[in-house]
Amino acid sequence: MLSKVRIILLPLHKYDMSDNKIKDSKRIARNTVALYMRSIVVMAVGIYTSRVVLKTLGVDDYGIYNVVGTFVAMFSILSGSLVNASQRFISFEMGKENPQMNRMFCATLSIHILLALGVLVVFETFGLWFLNTQLNIDPERMVAANWVYQCSVITFSVNLINVPYNASIIAHEKMSAYAYFSIFEVCAKLGIVYLLLLTGKDRLIMYAIFMLSVAVLLRLLYRFYCIRKFEECRYHFVIDKELFKEMLGFTGWNFIGSAAGLVITQGINVLINIFFGVALNAARGLAEQVNQAINTFVTNFMTAVNPQITKSYSAGDYDYMNNLMVRGAKYAALLYWFMALTIFVEAETILDIWLVETPPYTVIFLRWAVICSIFQALSHTLYIGMLATGNIRRYQITMGSLYLGSFLLCLVFFKCGLGPEYGYISTFVAYFIAVVVRLKLISQIVPGFSVTRFLTQSILRSFGVIILSTSFVILFKRWITIENRWMELLTVLAVSLIVTAILAYVIALSKDERRTCKEQVMSSLKKK
């Protein structure tokens, strides 16, 4: 089915591309299609599942799972960074003339096993103390909270060890397999919802156990697939001091940077729990659920682009790498806003339709989450570019300090009696500064990278589309009067998609990109 789907993706290189680069662009397009199919299923099932889980568990238990099961959420952020690090080394090795893939994979997996053991010690000592003494949880629900915690710790450890297998799939650009596994995951989670309705035991505890079971099964499937498809994924212990030193140093610095990133997300989530209680954790969890559903579309595109950035750096093709970073950032921001505009404008209506009971502050949290994600989308290619160079020590120290400062700023806001939305405001400040920092650092490392070009072609063009489309849709909504909520939502959705598409074509795309877009549309019409 995936092979029959077509997508128009503008080439990320000049028109004098070599045959290999043309093939690379086509591969990006094919992989993006496969991952988009995944996103549609994941988003639809995920949104429905969240609604039923909230109704089944209740606001308080859902909030407990969100804050105590923060380590599951931590994996989605921390493992994503570690996948990028592992994929960087595997892709970099693939770009060499004489790659030693098995040696590289085994060394990567050994490091992740050591990391998992180290993290496990921290979770079972400091983590248990923090859970039972510092979090704001009803004493009657502490037993359930500890069950959730232990299931989350085991899930995290299993996922961490399996990161190199995920990275291998991405490095080999086998995105169809990645898509199918993700579809299996959301379908399994949908099955969990119905099992919850049938069980007569503590539903929060059973939900944690079911989620752990799905995570373990999924990781076993990833491992089985990689061993069957990629020869280098047959593990044996590798003793290579030089390689271990390089990879451990890179992974260690990247791990520190990722941990700092967790402070700005899950750390603030904990602060919200301490100052405002589990109901606000439920609101933040729901807002992030919706925002992550939108972000999957951007993540899919970037997952298809990431290996090409690393491989082009490894091959010394800096022009192609810079084109990928500049245009990739612009496309990522536009893809995100294409899906996010309606949700940003109609947040209250969407949440009222979706949820049986909307926790307070959910609408505000969702809108701030969208704003923060725009800056994340714009700077993701810069982050991958930094990883590709391998020179990340100063980068991770700088970003870690920035994120820690954001956490402390949030703490000051809450201590001063400001509202929970200031958790997102402190995050926004950090993400805004992060774009500037990344531009400065990468311009000093990657030959030929132009900050001016990135600002004019990626940031200014993207924000031109974002600001104008938002203004138009808000004015349109005020101008029309539709009593039926569904009809209003569908009308705003149609207008948002059309306006964003037109403005993106006119403002964001360059003359050459518009010409390529026309050629591909005409070519598709002729084939039909």
Protein backbone atom coordinates (compact mmCIF):
# COMPACT_ATOMS: atom_id res chain seq x y z
CA MET A 1 0.00 0.00 0.00
CA LEU A 2 2.80 2.39 0.88
CA SER A 3 4.35 2.03 -2.55
CA LYS A 4 1.18 3.39 -4.18
CA VAL A 5 1.23 6.62 -2.22
CA ARG A 6 2.88 9.61 -3.85
CA ILE A 7 4.24 12.76 -2.27
CA ILE A 8 5.74 15.91 -3.70
CA LEU A 9 9.00 16.70 -1.93
CA LEU A 10 11.20 19.45 -3.28
CA PRO A 11 14.80 18.37 -3.81
CA LEU A 12 17.15 19.46 -1.06
CA HIS A 13 19.98 20.21 -3.44
CA LYS A 14 20.70 22.34 -6.48
CA TYR A 15 19.56 21.26 -9.91
CA ASP A 16 22.99 20.04 -10.94
CA MET A 17 22.80 17.16 -8.49
CA SER A 18 24.66 13.99 -9.27
CA ASP A 19 22.72 10.77 -9.79
CA ASN A 20 23.48 9.72 -6.21
CA LYS A 21 22.03 12.93 -4.79
CA ILE A 22 18.92 12.59 -6.94
CA LYS A 23 18.51 9.07 -5.56
CA ASP A 24 19.04 10.43 -2.03
CA SER A 25 16.24 12.98 -2.51
CA LYS A 26 13.93 10.28 -3.87
CA ARG A 27 14.77 8.06 -0.91
CA ILE A 28 13.89 10.91 1.44
CA ALA A 29 10.55 11.25 -0.35
CA ARG A 30 9.79 7.51 -0.14
CA ASN A 31 10.74 7.36 3.51
CA THR A 32 8.68 10.44 4.30
CA VAL A 33 5.64 8.81 2.68
CA ALA A 34 6.07 5.64 4.73
CA LEU A 35 6.42 7.62 7.94
CA TYR A 36 3.46 9.88 7.11
CA MET A 37 1.26 6.82 6.74
CA ARG A 38 2.52 5.80 10.16
CA SER A 39 1.71 9.25 11.56
CA ILE A 40 -1.90 9.23 10.40
CA VAL A 41 -2.58 5.91 12.11
CA VAL A 42 -0.55 6.77 15.23
CA MET A 43 -2.21 10.16 15.66
CA ALA A 44 -5.78 8.89 15.12
CA VAL A 45 -5.43 5.90 17.45
CA GLY A 46 -3.34 7.83 19.99
CA ILE A 47 -5.84 10.66 20.35
CA TYR A 48 -8.75 8.23 20.77
CA THR A 49 -6.78 6.11 23.24
CA SER A 50 -5.87 9.13 25.40
CA ARG A 51 -9.50 10.14 25.63
CA VAL A 52 -10.62 6.68 26.78
CA VAL A 53 -7.68 6.29 29.21
CA LEU A 54 -8.48 9.68 30.80
CA LYS A 55 -12.13 8.64 31.22
CA THR A 56 -11.18 5.18 32.56
CA LEU A 57 -8.50 6.26 35.03
CA GLY A 58 -9.94 9.63 36.01
CA VAL A 59 -8.11 12.97 36.14
CA ASP A 60 -6.16 12.25 39.36
CA ASP A 61 -4.89 8.78 38.37
CA TYR A 62 -4.08 10.04 34.87
CA GLY A 63 -2.10 12.86 36.48
CA ILE A 64 -0.28 10.36 38.73
CA TYR A 65 0.69 8.27 35.73
CA ASN A 66 1.87 11.37 33.91
CA VAL A 67 4.15 12.58 36.71
CA VAL A 68 5.28 9.21 38.16
CA GLY A 69 5.55 7.61 34.74
CA THR A 70 7.68 10.56 33.75
CA PHE A 71 10.50 8.11 33.05
CA VAL A 72 8.48 6.63 30.19
CA ALA A 73 8.12 10.14 28.81
CA MET A 74 11.82 10.66 29.54
CA PHE A 75 12.63 7.80 27.19
CA SER A 76 10.86 9.48 24.28
CA ILE A 77 13.18 12.48 24.70
CA LEU A 78 16.36 10.89 26.02
CA SER A 79 16.25 7.87 23.72
CA GLY A 80 15.55 10.14 20.77
CA SER A 81 18.79 11.94 21.48
CA LEU A 82 20.65 8.66 22.00
CA VAL A 83 19.21 7.27 18.76
CA ASN A 84 20.60 10.35 17.04
CA ALA A 85 24.00 9.74 18.63
CA SER A 86 24.04 6.04 17.72
CA GLN A 87 22.73 6.75 14.24
CA ARG A 88 25.43 9.39 13.83
CA PHE A 89 28.21 6.85 14.36
CA ILE A 90 26.54 4.14 12.28
CA SER A 91 25.72 6.53 9.42
CA PHE A 92 29.17 8.10 9.63
CA GLU A 93 30.73 4.65 9.36
CA MET A 94 28.50 3.83 6.37
CA GLY A 95 29.78 6.95 4.60
CA LYS A 96 33.38 5.70 4.73
CA GLU A 97 35.06 3.83 1.88
CA ASN A 98 35.79 0.73 4.02
CA PRO A 99 33.16 0.64 6.78
CA GLN A 100 33.44 -1.76 9.74
CA MET A 101 29.77 -1.96 10.57
CA ASN A 102 29.70 -4.89 13.00
CA ARG A 103 32.51 -3.43 15.09
CA MET A 104 30.70 -0.10 15.25
CA PHE A 105 27.32 -1.62 16.17
CA CYS A 106 28.72 -3.87 18.91
CA ALA A 107 30.65 -1.01 20.49
CA THR A 108 27.52 1.16 20.43
CA LEU A 109 25.38 -1.52 22.06
CA SER A 110 28.01 -2.16 24.77
CA ILE A 111 27.97 1.50 25.72
CA HIS A 112 24.18 1.53 25.96
CA ILE A 113 24.22 -1.51 28.22
CA LEU A 114 26.60 0.32 30.56
CA LEU A 115 24.41 3.43 30.47
CA ALA A 116 21.30 1.38 31.25
CA LEU A 117 22.98 -0.18 34.30
CA GLY A 118 24.14 3.22 35.55
CA VAL A 119 20.70 4.79 35.09
CA LEU A 120 19.07 1.80 36.82
CA VAL A 121 21.18 2.40 39.94
CA VAL A 122 20.12 6.07 40.03
CA PHE A 123 16.44 5.22 39.54
CA GLU A 124 16.39 2.60 42.30
CA THR A 125 18.08 4.86 44.85
CA PHE A 126 17.55 8.58 44.39
CA GLY A 127 14.48 8.07 42.21
CA LEU A 128 12.66 5.93 44.79
CA TRP A 129 13.47 8.41 47.54
CA PHE A 130 12.18 11.32 45.47
CA LEU A 131 8.98 9.48 44.54
CA ASN A 132 8.07 8.54 48.09
CA THR A 133 9.07 11.74 49.87
CA GLN A 134 8.86 14.71 47.51
CA LEU A 135 6.01 14.26 45.03
CA ASN A 136 2.53 15.57 45.80
CA ILE A 137 0.52 12.30 45.69
CA ASP A 138 -2.39 11.09 47.83
CA PRO A 139 -0.95 8.62 50.41
CA GLU A 140 -3.70 6.15 49.52
CA ARG A 141 -2.36 5.98 45.95
CA MET A 142 1.34 5.56 46.83
CA VAL A 143 1.27 1.78 46.30
CA ALA A 144 -0.12 2.28 42.81
CA ALA A 145 2.40 5.07 42.20
CA ASN A 146 5.27 2.71 43.08
CA TRP A 147 3.93 0.08 40.67
CA VAL A 148 3.84 2.71 37.93
CA TYR A 149 7.36 3.78 38.81
CA GLN A 150 8.88 0.28 38.70
CA CYS A 151 7.18 -0.54 35.39
CA SER A 152 8.48 2.75 33.99
CA VAL A 153 12.04 1.99 35.15
CA ILE A 154 12.03 -1.44 33.53
CA THR A 155 10.57 0.00 30.32
CA PHE A 156 13.22 2.69 30.27
CA SER A 157 16.08 0.21 30.74
CA VAL A 158 14.82 -2.14 28.01
CA ASN A 159 14.34 0.77 25.60
CA LEU A 160 17.79 2.18 26.34
CA ILE A 161 19.52 -1.09 25.51
CA ASN A 162 17.58 -1.35 22.26
CA VAL A 163 18.50 2.14 21.03
CA PRO A 164 21.27 0.87 18.66
CA TYR A 165 18.75 -1.41 16.91
CA ASN A 166 16.45 1.56 16.25
CA ALA A 167 19.44 3.59 15.08
CA SER A 168 20.42 0.85 12.63
CA ILE A 169 16.98 0.93 11.00
CA ILE A 170 17.20 4.71 10.63
CA ALA A 171 20.80 4.65 9.37
CA HIS A 172 19.87 2.03 6.75
CA GLU A 173 16.81 4.19 5.92
CA LYS A 174 14.39 1.27 6.24
CA MET A 175 11.55 3.56 7.27
CA SER A 176 8.74 1.25 6.15
CA ALA A 177 9.72 -1.22 8.90
CA TYR A 178 9.92 1.65 11.37
CA ALA A 179 6.41 2.69 10.31
CA TYR A 180 4.92 -0.79 10.66
CA PHE A 181 6.39 -1.28 14.13
CA SER A 182 4.92 2.06 15.25
CA ILE A 183 1.50 1.11 13.91
CA PHE A 184 1.72 -2.17 15.81
CA GLU A 185 2.59 -0.22 18.97
CA VAL A 186 -0.44 2.09 18.86
CA CYS A 187 -2.76 -0.78 18.00
CA ALA A 188 -1.43 -2.71 21.00
CA LYS A 189 -2.05 0.33 23.20
CA LEU A 190 -5.58 0.52 21.83
CA GLY A 191 -6.02 -3.09 22.94
CA ILE A 192 -4.83 -2.08 26.41
CA VAL A 193 -7.72 0.37 26.67
CA TYR A 194 -10.26 -2.40 26.22
CA LEU A 195 -8.43 -4.67 28.67
CA LEU A 196 -8.65 -1.87 31.23
CA LEU A 197 -12.41 -1.75 30.83
CA LEU A 198 -12.61 -5.50 31.54
CA THR A 199 -10.33 -5.66 34.58
CA GLY A 200 -11.73 -5.38 38.08
CA LYS A 201 -8.38 -4.65 39.73
CA ASP A 202 -6.63 -1.32 40.29
CA ARG A 203 -6.74 0.12 36.80
CA LEU A 204 -3.74 2.41 37.26
CA ILE A 205 -1.53 -0.53 38.24
CA MET A 206 -2.86 -2.70 35.41
CA TYR A 207 -2.35 0.13 32.92
CA ALA A 208 1.32 0.40 33.93
CA ILE A 209 1.82 -3.38 33.63
CA PHE A 210 0.13 -3.53 30.23
CA MET A 211 2.25 -0.62 28.93
CA LEU A 212 5.40 -2.40 30.13
CA SER A 213 4.37 -5.59 28.33
CA VAL A 214 3.88 -3.72 25.05
CA ALA A 215 7.25 -1.99 25.39
CA VAL A 216 9.13 -5.26 26.01
CA LEU A 217 7.39 -7.05 23.13
CA LEU A 218 8.06 -4.17 20.74
CA ARG A 219 11.76 -4.03 21.60
CA LEU A 220 12.08 -7.79 21.04
CA LEU A 221 10.52 -7.36 17.60
CA TYR A 222 12.95 -4.54 16.73
CA ARG A 223 15.88 -6.72 17.79
CA PHE A 224 14.65 -9.74 15.82
CA TYR A 225 14.13 -7.64 12.68
CA CYS A 226 17.60 -6.05 12.84
CA ILE A 227 19.37 -9.38 13.38
CA ARG A 228 17.54 -10.86 10.37
CA LYS A 229 18.08 -7.87 8.05
CA PHE A 230 21.45 -6.41 9.01
CA GLU A 231 24.51 -8.60 9.46
CA GLU A 232 26.27 -6.08 11.67
CA CYS A 233 23.53 -6.36 14.33
CA ARG A 234 24.79 -9.72 15.62
CA TYR A 235 26.21 -8.69 18.97
CA HIS A 236 29.46 -9.77 20.56
CA PHE A 237 31.54 -7.90 23.09
CA VAL A 238 34.08 -5.62 21.40
CA ILE A 239 37.28 -4.47 23.07
CA ASP A 240 38.58 -1.45 21.18
CA LYS A 241 39.96 1.21 23.49
CA GLU A 242 40.17 3.96 20.86
CA LEU A 243 36.65 3.38 19.57
CA PHE A 244 35.29 3.01 23.09
CA LYS A 245 36.93 6.24 24.16
CA GLU A 246 35.57 8.15 21.17
CA MET A 247 32.06 6.72 21.41
CA LEU A 248 31.86 6.87 25.20
CA GLY A 249 33.01 10.50 25.12
CA PHE A 250 30.49 11.40 22.42
CA THR A 251 27.66 9.41 24.01
CA GLY A 252 28.55 10.75 27.46
CA TRP A 253 28.42 14.37 26.35
CA ASN A 254 25.26 13.72 24.38
CA PHE A 255 23.75 11.96 27.39
CA ILE A 256 24.53 14.99 29.58
CA GLY A 257 22.92 17.29 27.03
CA SER A 258 19.87 15.04 26.82
CA ALA A 259 19.58 14.90 30.59
CA ALA A 260 19.62 18.70 30.65
CA GLY A 261 16.84 18.62 28.07
CA LEU A 262 14.83 16.43 30.43
CA VAL A 263 15.19 19.05 33.14
CA ILE A 264 13.38 21.58 30.97
CA THR A 265 10.52 19.15 30.26
CA GLN A 266 10.05 16.52 32.96
CA GLY A 267 11.76 18.67 35.59
CA ILE A 268 9.22 21.42 35.04
CA ASN A 269 6.50 18.75 35.09
CA VAL A 270 7.66 17.80 38.59
CA LEU A 271 7.67 21.45 39.68
CA ILE A 272 4.08 21.78 38.46
CA ASN A 273 3.19 18.75 40.57
CA ILE A 274 4.85 20.16 43.68
CA PHE A 275 3.30 23.63 43.35
CA PHE A 276 -0.08 22.88 41.74
CA GLY A 277 -0.93 19.14 42.12
CA VAL A 278 -1.70 16.18 39.85
CA ALA A 279 -4.68 17.81 38.07
CA LEU A 280 -2.29 20.24 36.39
CA ASN A 281 0.00 17.32 35.49
CA ALA A 282 -2.98 15.78 33.71
CA ALA A 283 -3.54 19.05 31.83
CA ARG A 284 0.10 19.23 30.79
CA GLY A 285 0.08 15.56 29.80
CA LEU A 286 -2.95 16.05 27.54
CA ALA A 287 -1.48 19.19 25.96
CA GLU A 288 1.76 17.35 25.23
CA GLN A 289 -0.17 14.38 23.83
CA VAL A 290 -1.83 16.58 21.23
CA ASN A 291 1.37 18.47 20.47
CA GLN A 292 3.36 15.25 20.06
CA ALA A 293 0.73 13.97 17.64
CA ILE A 294 1.36 17.05 15.46
CA ASN A 295 5.11 16.72 15.94
CA THR A 296 5.12 13.21 14.51
CA PHE A 297 4.70 14.70 11.03
CA VAL A 298 7.84 16.79 11.49
CA THR A 299 9.69 13.95 13.19
CA ASN A 300 8.92 11.70 10.24
CA PHE A 301 10.40 14.15 7.77
CA MET A 302 13.47 14.72 9.91
CA THR A 303 13.96 10.99 10.48
CA ALA A 304 14.18 10.64 6.70
CA VAL A 305 16.60 13.60 6.37
CA ASN A 306 18.89 12.94 9.37
CA PRO A 307 20.98 10.10 7.87
CA GLN A 308 21.66 12.18 4.75
CA ILE A 309 23.05 15.06 6.84
CA THR A 310 25.47 12.73 8.62
CA LYS A 311 26.50 10.81 5.51
CA SER A 312 27.13 14.01 3.53
CA TYR A 313 29.38 15.32 6.32
CA SER A 314 31.24 12.01 6.45
CA ALA A 315 31.77 12.16 2.67
CA GLY A 316 32.96 15.80 2.86
CA ASP A 317 30.05 17.12 0.77
CA TYR A 318 29.45 20.26 2.82
CA ASP A 319 27.37 22.04 0.17
CA TYR A 320 24.79 19.26 0.21
CA MET A 321 24.87 19.15 4.00
CA ASN A 322 24.26 22.89 4.29
CA ASN A 323 21.40 22.71 1.80
CA LEU A 324 19.84 19.92 3.82
CA MET A 325 20.07 21.91 7.05
CA VAL A 326 18.71 25.17 5.60
CA ARG A 327 15.86 23.75 3.54
CA GLY A 328 15.15 20.96 6.00
CA ALA A 329 14.57 23.48 8.79
CA LYS A 330 12.17 25.49 6.63
CA TYR A 331 10.23 22.43 5.48
CA ALA A 332 10.03 21.11 9.05
CA ALA A 333 8.57 24.38 10.36
CA LEU A 334 6.06 24.60 7.50
CA LEU A 335 5.00 20.97 7.89
CA TYR A 336 4.46 21.53 11.59
CA TRP A 337 2.45 24.71 11.14
CA PHE A 338 0.38 23.16 8.34
CA MET A 339 -0.99 20.75 10.98
CA ALA A 340 -0.78 23.02 14.04
CA LEU A 341 -2.57 26.21 12.94
CA THR A 342 -6.09 24.83 13.35
CA ILE A 343 -5.22 23.33 16.74
CA PHE A 344 -3.67 26.61 17.90
CA VAL A 345 -6.74 28.65 16.93
CA GLU A 346 -9.41 26.10 17.83
CA ALA A 347 -7.73 24.58 20.91
CA GLU A 348 -10.73 25.06 23.19
CA THR A 349 -13.23 23.61 20.73
CA ILE A 350 -11.02 20.61 19.91
CA LEU A 351 -10.42 19.76 23.57
CA ASP A 352 -14.12 20.09 24.43
CA ILE A 353 -15.06 17.70 21.60
CA TRP A 354 -12.22 15.28 22.33
CA LEU A 355 -12.33 15.03 26.13
CA VAL A 356 -15.12 14.10 28.48
CA GLU A 357 -13.60 16.39 31.12
CA THR A 358 -11.02 19.03 30.22
CA PRO A 359 -8.65 19.77 33.12
CA PRO A 360 -7.99 23.47 33.83
CA TYR A 361 -5.16 25.18 31.95
CA THR A 362 -5.11 22.53 29.20
CA VAL A 363 -5.95 25.07 26.47
CA ILE A 364 -3.25 27.50 27.62
CA PHE A 365 -0.70 24.69 27.93
CA LEU A 366 -1.49 23.42 24.45
CA ARG A 367 -1.03 26.81 22.80
CA TRP A 368 2.28 27.41 24.57
CA ALA A 369 3.43 23.91 23.63
CA VAL A 370 2.75 24.71 19.97
CA ILE A 371 4.74 27.95 20.15
CA CYS A 372 7.72 26.16 21.75
CA SER A 373 7.62 23.41 19.13
CA ILE A 374 7.98 25.88 16.27
CA PHE A 375 11.45 26.82 17.50
CA GLN A 376 12.32 23.18 18.03
CA ALA A 377 11.33 22.38 14.44
CA LEU A 378 13.43 25.23 13.07
CA SER A 379 16.57 24.19 14.90
CA HIS A 380 16.45 20.39 14.64
CA THR A 381 18.63 20.18 11.52
CA LEU A 382 21.23 22.32 13.30
CA TYR A 383 21.26 19.83 16.16
CA ILE A 384 21.75 16.90 13.75
CA GLY A 385 24.49 18.86 11.97
CA MET A 386 26.31 19.32 15.28
CA LEU A 387 26.05 15.60 16.03
CA ALA A 388 27.38 14.79 12.55
CA THR A 389 30.58 16.73 13.24
CA GLY A 390 31.22 14.80 16.46
CA ASN A 391 32.45 18.05 18.06
CA ILE A 392 29.72 18.38 20.67
CA ARG A 393 31.45 19.01 24.00
CA ARG A 394 31.08 22.81 24.00
CA TYR A 395 27.63 22.50 22.43
CA GLN A 396 26.29 20.18 25.13
CA ILE A 397 27.80 22.21 27.96
CA THR A 398 26.23 25.39 26.55
CA MET A 399 22.81 23.83 25.95
CA GLY A 400 22.87 22.06 29.31
CA SER A 401 23.56 25.34 31.10
CA LEU A 402 20.80 27.05 29.12
CA TYR A 403 18.21 24.38 29.96
CA LEU A 404 19.22 24.29 33.61
CA GLY A 405 18.83 28.06 33.70
CA SER A 406 15.32 27.69 32.27
CA PHE A 407 14.43 25.22 35.01
CA LEU A 408 15.69 27.61 37.69
CA LEU A 409 13.78 30.47 36.05
CA CYS A 410 10.60 28.37 36.24
CA LEU A 411 11.28 27.68 39.93
CA VAL A 412 11.64 31.42 40.57
CA PHE A 413 8.37 32.10 38.71
CA PHE A 414 6.49 29.56 40.83
CA LYS A 415 8.10 30.76 44.05
CA CYS A 416 6.89 34.27 43.21
CA GLY A 417 3.33 32.98 42.95
CA LEU A 418 2.96 33.12 39.15
CA GLY A 419 0.64 30.71 37.34
CA PRO A 420 1.51 27.25 35.92
CA GLU A 421 1.68 28.61 32.36
CA TYR A 422 5.01 30.19 33.31
CA GLY A 423 6.49 26.71 33.11
CA TYR A 424 6.01 26.93 29.35
CA ILE A 425 7.11 30.56 29.24
CA SER A 426 10.47 29.65 30.80
CA THR A 427 10.79 26.82 28.24
CA PHE A 428 10.03 29.23 25.39
CA VAL A 429 12.82 31.56 26.53
CA ALA A 430 15.29 28.66 26.47
CA TYR A 431 14.20 27.38 23.04
CA PHE A 432 14.43 30.88 21.54
CA ILE A 433 17.97 31.39 22.83
CA ALA A 434 18.87 27.83 21.75
CA VAL A 435 18.30 28.70 18.07
CA VAL A 436 20.76 31.58 18.32
CA VAL A 437 23.33 29.44 20.16
CA ARG A 438 23.10 26.59 17.65
CA LEU A 439 23.53 28.94 14.71
CA LYS A 440 26.61 30.50 16.29
CA LEU A 441 28.25 27.17 17.13
CA ILE A 442 27.57 25.38 13.85
CA SER A 443 28.82 28.31 11.79
CA GLN A 444 32.19 27.87 13.52
CA ILE A 445 32.43 24.15 12.75
CA VAL A 446 30.79 23.30 9.41
CA PRO A 447 32.63 24.74 6.38
CA GLY A 448 30.51 27.04 4.24
CA PHE A 449 27.56 27.31 6.61
CA SER A 450 25.96 30.77 6.38
CA VAL A 451 24.02 32.16 9.34
CA THR A 452 22.57 34.89 7.11
CA ARG A 453 21.28 32.33 4.63
CA PHE A 454 19.63 30.29 7.41
CA LEU A 455 18.00 33.40 8.90
CA THR A 456 16.63 34.68 5.59
CA GLN A 457 15.69 31.42 3.88
CA SER A 458 14.52 29.37 6.88
CA ILE A 459 13.51 31.54 9.84
CA LEU A 460 12.19 34.72 8.18
CA ARG A 461 10.30 32.89 5.43
CA SER A 462 8.78 30.44 7.92
CA PHE A 463 7.67 33.13 10.35
CA GLY A 464 6.24 35.17 7.49
CA VAL A 465 3.92 32.27 6.73
CA ILE A 466 3.15 31.60 10.40
CA ILE A 467 2.28 35.19 11.35
CA LEU A 468 0.21 35.98 8.24
CA SER A 469 -1.71 32.69 8.27
CA THR A 470 -2.51 32.99 11.98
CA SER A 471 -3.73 36.57 11.60
CA PHE A 472 -5.92 35.67 8.63
CA VAL A 473 -7.52 32.63 10.31
CA ILE A 474 -8.21 34.50 13.58
CA LEU A 475 -9.87 37.35 11.66
CA PHE A 476 -11.83 34.85 9.58
CA LYS A 477 -13.07 33.10 12.72
CA ARG A 478 -14.24 36.41 14.20
CA TRP A 479 -15.95 37.32 10.95
CA ILE A 480 -18.00 34.14 10.52
CA THR A 481 -20.76 32.97 12.85
CA ILE A 482 -21.37 29.22 12.91
CA GLU A 483 -23.33 27.77 15.83
CA ASN A 484 -22.48 24.14 15.15
CA ARG A 485 -19.04 23.42 16.68
CA TRP A 486 -18.18 20.63 14.26
CA MET A 487 -19.05 22.78 11.26
CA GLU A 488 -17.02 25.69 12.63
CA LEU A 489 -14.04 23.41 13.27
CA LEU A 490 -14.14 21.88 9.78
CA THR A 491 -14.49 25.32 8.18
CA VAL A 492 -11.52 26.73 10.09
CA LEU A 493 -9.52 23.59 9.24
CA ALA A 494 -10.20 23.98 5.51
CA VAL A 495 -9.35 27.69 5.55
CA SER A 496 -6.17 27.06 7.58
CA LEU A 497 -4.88 24.41 5.19
CA ILE A 498 -5.60 26.47 2.08
CA VAL A 499 -4.17 29.73 3.46
CA THR A 500 -1.03 28.05 4.84
CA ALA A 501 -0.42 26.21 1.57
CA ILE A 502 -0.80 29.38 -0.53
CA LEU A 503 1.39 31.49 1.75
CA ALA A 504 4.03 28.76 1.92
CA TYR A 505 4.15 28.60 -1.87
CA VAL A 506 4.30 32.38 -2.32
CA ILE A 507 6.49 33.41 0.63
CA ALA A 508 8.49 30.43 1.87
CA LEU A 509 9.52 28.73 -1.38
CA SER A 510 12.25 30.21 -3.53
CA LYS A 511 11.82 30.74 -7.28
CA ASP A 512 13.61 27.48 -8.06
CA GLU A 513 11.54 25.60 -5.49
CA ARG A 514 8.29 26.93 -6.93
CA ARG A 515 9.41 25.88 -10.41
CA THR A 516 10.23 22.40 -9.17
CA CYS A 517 6.87 22.19 -7.41
CA LYS A 518 5.05 23.09 -10.65
CA GLU A 519 7.05 20.52 -12.62
CA GLN A 520 6.28 17.75 -10.16
CA VAL A 521 2.56 18.62 -10.06
CA MET A 522 2.38 18.63 -13.88
CA SER A 523 4.30 15.35 -14.02
CA SER A 524 1.91 13.74 -11.55
CA LEU A 525 -1.15 14.96 -13.48
CA LYS A 526 0.21 13.64 -16.79
CA LYS A 527 0.80 10.19 -15.30
CA LYS A 528 -2.81 10.08 -14.18
